[in-house]
């Protein structure tokens, strides 16, 4: 599968910091992140923003409405908090 495109902006501009990369595999997710640039509450805002981007991507693809996609995402997020299917581990 090809790499995702880089968004149209200057990634070398002042103040631009990459904070998250995620891959999914048959063995689970692989996540690389940095927490030295954001407070924990800011991650909550970021996760909601990402969820909205995901919902709108499904709507653009024509497979779900944005509201339905976000509702499914949110329901699963809440269920996962209560009964996690995976646990984070240190990078190897």
N, C-alpha and C. Protein backbone atom coordinates (compact mmCIF):
# COMPACT_ATOMS: atom_id res chain seq x y z
N UNK A 1 0.85 -1.17 0.00
CA UNK A 1 0.00 0.00 0.00
C UNK A 1 0.90 1.24 0.00
N UNK A 2 0.59 2.23 -0.84
CA UNK A 2 1.46 3.42 -0.91
C UNK A 2 1.35 4.29 0.34
N UNK A 3 2.42 5.06 0.59
CA UNK A 3 2.40 6.00 1.70
C UNK A 3 1.31 7.04 1.48
N UNK A 4 0.80 7.56 2.57
CA UNK A 4 -0.17 8.65 2.49
C UNK A 4 0.55 9.93 2.04
N UNK A 5 -0.14 10.81 1.36
CA UNK A 5 0.50 12.05 0.93
C UNK A 5 0.72 12.99 2.11
N UNK A 6 1.73 13.81 1.99
CA UNK A 6 1.96 14.85 2.98
C UNK A 6 1.00 15.99 2.71
N UNK A 7 0.36 16.54 3.74
CA UNK A 7 -0.56 17.66 3.51
C UNK A 7 0.15 18.84 2.82
N UNK A 8 -0.62 19.66 2.16
CA UNK A 8 -0.07 20.81 1.44
C UNK A 8 0.24 21.94 2.42
N UNK A 9 1.41 21.91 2.98
CA UNK A 9 1.92 22.98 3.84
C UNK A 9 3.42 22.75 3.96
N UNK A 10 4.10 23.68 4.55
CA UNK A 10 5.55 23.56 4.69
C UNK A 10 5.88 22.89 6.02
N UNK A 11 6.25 21.60 6.00
CA UNK A 11 6.54 20.90 7.26
C UNK A 11 7.81 21.40 7.95
N UNK A 12 8.58 22.25 7.28
CA UNK A 12 9.79 22.81 7.90
C UNK A 12 9.56 24.20 8.45
N UNK A 13 8.34 24.72 8.34
CA UNK A 13 8.04 26.06 8.83
C UNK A 13 8.17 26.12 10.35
N UNK A 14 8.47 27.31 10.84
CA UNK A 14 8.59 27.52 12.28
C UNK A 14 7.29 27.12 12.98
N UNK A 15 7.41 26.40 14.07
CA UNK A 15 6.25 26.01 14.86
C UNK A 15 5.58 24.73 14.42
N UNK A 16 5.99 24.15 13.30
CA UNK A 16 5.40 22.89 12.83
C UNK A 16 6.15 21.73 13.48
N UNK A 17 5.40 20.85 14.16
CA UNK A 17 5.99 19.70 14.83
C UNK A 17 5.14 18.48 14.55
N UNK A 18 5.75 17.42 14.04
CA UNK A 18 5.03 16.16 13.87
C UNK A 18 4.91 15.51 15.25
N UNK A 19 3.69 15.11 15.62
CA UNK A 19 3.49 14.56 16.95
C UNK A 19 2.96 13.14 16.97
N UNK A 20 2.51 12.62 15.80
CA UNK A 20 1.87 11.31 15.81
C UNK A 20 2.00 10.62 14.46
N UNK A 21 2.36 9.34 14.50
CA UNK A 21 2.29 8.46 13.33
C UNK A 21 1.66 7.16 13.80
N UNK A 22 0.78 6.59 12.98
CA UNK A 22 0.08 5.36 13.35
C UNK A 22 0.03 4.42 12.14
N UNK A 23 0.35 3.16 12.39
CA UNK A 23 0.21 2.11 11.38
C UNK A 23 -0.65 1.02 11.99
N UNK A 24 -1.42 0.34 11.17
CA UNK A 24 -2.18 -0.80 11.65
C UNK A 24 -1.65 -2.06 10.98
N UNK A 25 -1.56 -3.12 11.77
CA UNK A 25 -1.06 -4.40 11.28
C UNK A 25 -1.97 -5.50 11.80
N UNK A 26 -1.76 -6.70 11.33
CA UNK A 26 -2.56 -7.82 11.84
C UNK A 26 -2.26 -8.07 13.32
N UNK A 27 -1.14 -7.58 13.80
CA UNK A 27 -0.77 -7.73 15.22
C UNK A 27 -1.20 -6.55 16.07
N UNK A 28 -1.88 -5.57 15.48
CA UNK A 28 -2.32 -4.39 16.22
C UNK A 28 -1.69 -3.13 15.67
N UNK A 29 -1.90 -2.03 16.36
CA UNK A 29 -1.38 -0.75 15.91
C UNK A 29 0.07 -0.58 16.31
N UNK A 30 0.76 0.21 15.52
CA UNK A 30 2.11 0.65 15.84
C UNK A 30 2.03 2.17 15.89
N UNK A 31 2.39 2.75 17.01
CA UNK A 31 2.24 4.18 17.24
C UNK A 31 3.57 4.78 17.66
N UNK A 32 3.90 5.90 17.04
CA UNK A 32 5.05 6.69 17.45
C UNK A 32 4.51 8.08 17.76
N UNK A 33 4.80 8.59 18.94
CA UNK A 33 4.30 9.91 19.29
C UNK A 33 5.26 10.65 20.19
N UNK A 34 5.06 11.94 20.27
CA UNK A 34 5.83 12.76 21.19
C UNK A 34 4.86 13.53 22.07
N UNK A 35 5.15 13.57 23.35
CA UNK A 35 4.26 14.24 24.29
C UNK A 35 4.89 15.50 24.87
N UNK A 36 6.05 15.88 24.36
CA UNK A 36 6.73 17.05 24.91
C UNK A 36 6.24 18.37 24.33
N UNK A 37 5.27 18.33 23.42
CA UNK A 37 4.79 19.57 22.81
C UNK A 37 3.34 19.90 23.17
N UNK A 38 2.61 18.95 23.72
CA UNK A 38 1.20 19.17 24.07
C UNK A 38 0.92 18.69 25.49
N UNK A 39 0.00 19.36 26.15
CA UNK A 39 -0.50 18.92 27.44
C UNK A 39 -1.52 17.81 27.21
N UNK A 40 -1.78 16.95 28.22
CA UNK A 40 -2.74 15.86 28.04
C UNK A 40 -4.11 16.32 27.55
N UNK A 41 -4.62 17.43 28.05
CA UNK A 41 -5.94 17.90 27.61
C UNK A 41 -5.95 18.26 26.13
N UNK A 42 -4.84 18.76 25.61
CA UNK A 42 -4.76 19.09 24.19
C UNK A 42 -4.88 17.82 23.33
N UNK A 43 -4.42 16.69 23.85
CA UNK A 43 -4.58 15.43 23.12
C UNK A 43 -6.05 15.07 22.99
N UNK A 44 -6.85 15.39 24.01
CA UNK A 44 -8.29 15.15 23.93
C UNK A 44 -8.91 15.91 22.78
N UNK A 45 -8.52 17.18 22.64
CA UNK A 45 -9.01 18.00 21.53
C UNK A 45 -8.55 17.40 20.20
N UNK A 46 -7.28 17.01 20.15
CA UNK A 46 -6.72 16.43 18.93
C UNK A 46 -7.46 15.15 18.54
N UNK A 47 -7.76 14.28 19.52
CA UNK A 47 -8.46 13.04 19.22
C UNK A 47 -9.85 13.30 18.65
N UNK A 48 -10.54 14.30 19.19
CA UNK A 48 -11.86 14.67 18.66
C UNK A 48 -11.71 15.21 17.24
N UNK A 49 -10.71 16.07 17.02
CA UNK A 49 -10.48 16.61 15.68
C UNK A 49 -10.19 15.48 14.68
N UNK A 50 -9.37 14.52 15.08
CA UNK A 50 -9.07 13.38 14.21
C UNK A 50 -10.35 12.59 13.92
N UNK A 51 -11.16 12.36 14.95
CA UNK A 51 -12.42 11.65 14.75
C UNK A 51 -13.33 12.36 13.76
N UNK A 52 -13.38 13.68 13.81
CA UNK A 52 -14.20 14.43 12.86
C UNK A 52 -13.64 14.33 11.45
N UNK A 53 -12.31 14.35 11.32
CA UNK A 53 -11.69 14.16 10.00
C UNK A 53 -12.05 12.78 9.45
N UNK A 54 -12.00 11.76 10.30
CA UNK A 54 -12.36 10.40 9.88
C UNK A 54 -13.81 10.36 9.42
N UNK A 55 -14.71 10.93 10.20
CA UNK A 55 -16.13 10.92 9.86
C UNK A 55 -16.38 11.62 8.53
N UNK A 56 -15.74 12.75 8.31
CA UNK A 56 -15.93 13.47 7.06
C UNK A 56 -15.30 12.71 5.88
N UNK A 57 -14.23 11.99 6.12
CA UNK A 57 -13.64 11.18 5.05
C UNK A 57 -14.60 10.07 4.61
N UNK A 58 -15.28 9.44 5.57
CA UNK A 58 -16.29 8.44 5.21
C UNK A 58 -17.43 9.07 4.43
N UNK A 59 -17.84 10.28 4.83
CA UNK A 59 -18.91 10.97 4.11
C UNK A 59 -18.47 11.30 2.68
N UNK A 60 -17.23 11.76 2.51
CA UNK A 60 -16.74 12.05 1.15
C UNK A 60 -16.65 10.78 0.31
N UNK A 61 -16.34 9.66 0.97
CA UNK A 61 -16.26 8.38 0.25
C UNK A 61 -17.66 7.85 -0.10
N UNK A 62 -18.69 8.41 0.52
CA UNK A 62 -20.05 8.01 0.23
C UNK A 62 -20.50 6.73 0.92
N UNK A 63 -19.74 6.28 1.91
CA UNK A 63 -20.10 5.02 2.58
C UNK A 63 -20.92 5.22 3.85
N UNK A 64 -20.81 6.39 4.47
CA UNK A 64 -21.55 6.71 5.68
C UNK A 64 -21.81 8.21 5.68
N UNK A 65 -22.82 8.63 6.42
CA UNK A 65 -22.93 10.06 6.67
C UNK A 65 -21.87 10.42 7.71
N UNK A 66 -21.47 11.68 7.75
CA UNK A 66 -20.49 12.10 8.75
C UNK A 66 -21.02 11.85 10.16
N UNK A 67 -22.31 12.12 10.38
CA UNK A 67 -22.89 11.92 11.71
C UNK A 67 -22.88 10.45 12.10
N UNK A 68 -23.25 9.56 11.17
CA UNK A 68 -23.28 8.13 11.46
C UNK A 68 -21.86 7.61 11.72
N UNK A 69 -20.91 8.02 10.90
CA UNK A 69 -19.54 7.57 11.09
C UNK A 69 -19.00 8.04 12.44
N UNK A 70 -19.26 9.31 12.79
CA UNK A 70 -18.76 9.82 14.08
C UNK A 70 -19.46 9.12 15.24
N UNK A 71 -20.76 8.85 15.11
CA UNK A 71 -21.48 8.15 16.18
C UNK A 71 -20.90 6.75 16.40
N UNK A 72 -20.60 6.05 15.31
CA UNK A 72 -19.99 4.72 15.44
C UNK A 72 -18.61 4.81 16.08
N UNK A 73 -17.82 5.80 15.63
CA UNK A 73 -16.48 5.99 16.19
C UNK A 73 -16.58 6.27 17.69
N UNK A 74 -17.46 7.18 18.07
CA UNK A 74 -17.60 7.56 19.47
C UNK A 74 -18.09 6.39 20.33
N UNK A 75 -19.05 5.63 19.84
CA UNK A 75 -19.56 4.48 20.60
C UNK A 75 -18.46 3.45 20.83
N UNK A 76 -17.66 3.21 19.81
CA UNK A 76 -16.57 2.25 19.95
C UNK A 76 -15.48 2.79 20.87
N UNK A 77 -15.20 4.08 20.78
CA UNK A 77 -14.21 4.73 21.66
C UNK A 77 -14.61 4.54 23.12
N UNK A 78 -15.87 4.82 23.42
CA UNK A 78 -16.36 4.68 24.80
C UNK A 78 -16.32 3.22 25.24
N UNK A 79 -16.72 2.30 24.38
CA UNK A 79 -16.68 0.87 24.71
C UNK A 79 -15.24 0.43 24.95
N UNK A 80 -14.33 0.91 24.14
CA UNK A 80 -12.91 0.53 24.27
C UNK A 80 -12.31 1.05 25.58
N UNK A 81 -12.75 2.21 26.02
CA UNK A 81 -12.29 2.73 27.31
C UNK A 81 -12.71 1.77 28.43
N UNK A 82 -13.94 1.27 28.36
CA UNK A 82 -14.44 0.38 29.39
C UNK A 82 -13.92 -1.04 29.33
N UNK A 83 -13.52 -1.49 28.15
CA UNK A 83 -13.08 -2.87 27.98
C UNK A 83 -12.09 -2.93 26.83
N UNK A 84 -10.86 -2.51 27.10
CA UNK A 84 -9.84 -2.40 26.05
C UNK A 84 -9.52 -3.74 25.41
N UNK A 85 -9.37 -3.73 24.09
CA UNK A 85 -9.00 -4.93 23.35
C UNK A 85 -7.50 -5.04 23.17
N UNK A 86 -6.76 -4.00 23.59
CA UNK A 86 -5.31 -4.00 23.44
C UNK A 86 -4.73 -3.08 24.52
N UNK A 87 -3.45 -3.24 24.79
CA UNK A 87 -2.76 -2.40 25.75
C UNK A 87 -1.53 -1.80 25.10
N UNK A 88 -1.24 -0.53 25.41
CA UNK A 88 -0.03 0.06 24.85
C UNK A 88 1.22 -0.63 25.42
N UNK A 89 2.25 -0.67 24.63
CA UNK A 89 3.52 -1.22 25.09
C UNK A 89 4.65 -0.34 24.59
N UNK A 90 5.79 -0.49 25.18
CA UNK A 90 6.95 0.29 24.77
C UNK A 90 7.42 -0.16 23.39
N UNK A 91 8.02 0.75 22.67
CA UNK A 91 8.58 0.42 21.37
C UNK A 91 9.69 -0.60 21.53
N UNK A 92 9.81 -1.44 20.54
CA UNK A 92 10.85 -2.47 20.59
C UNK A 92 11.90 -2.18 19.58
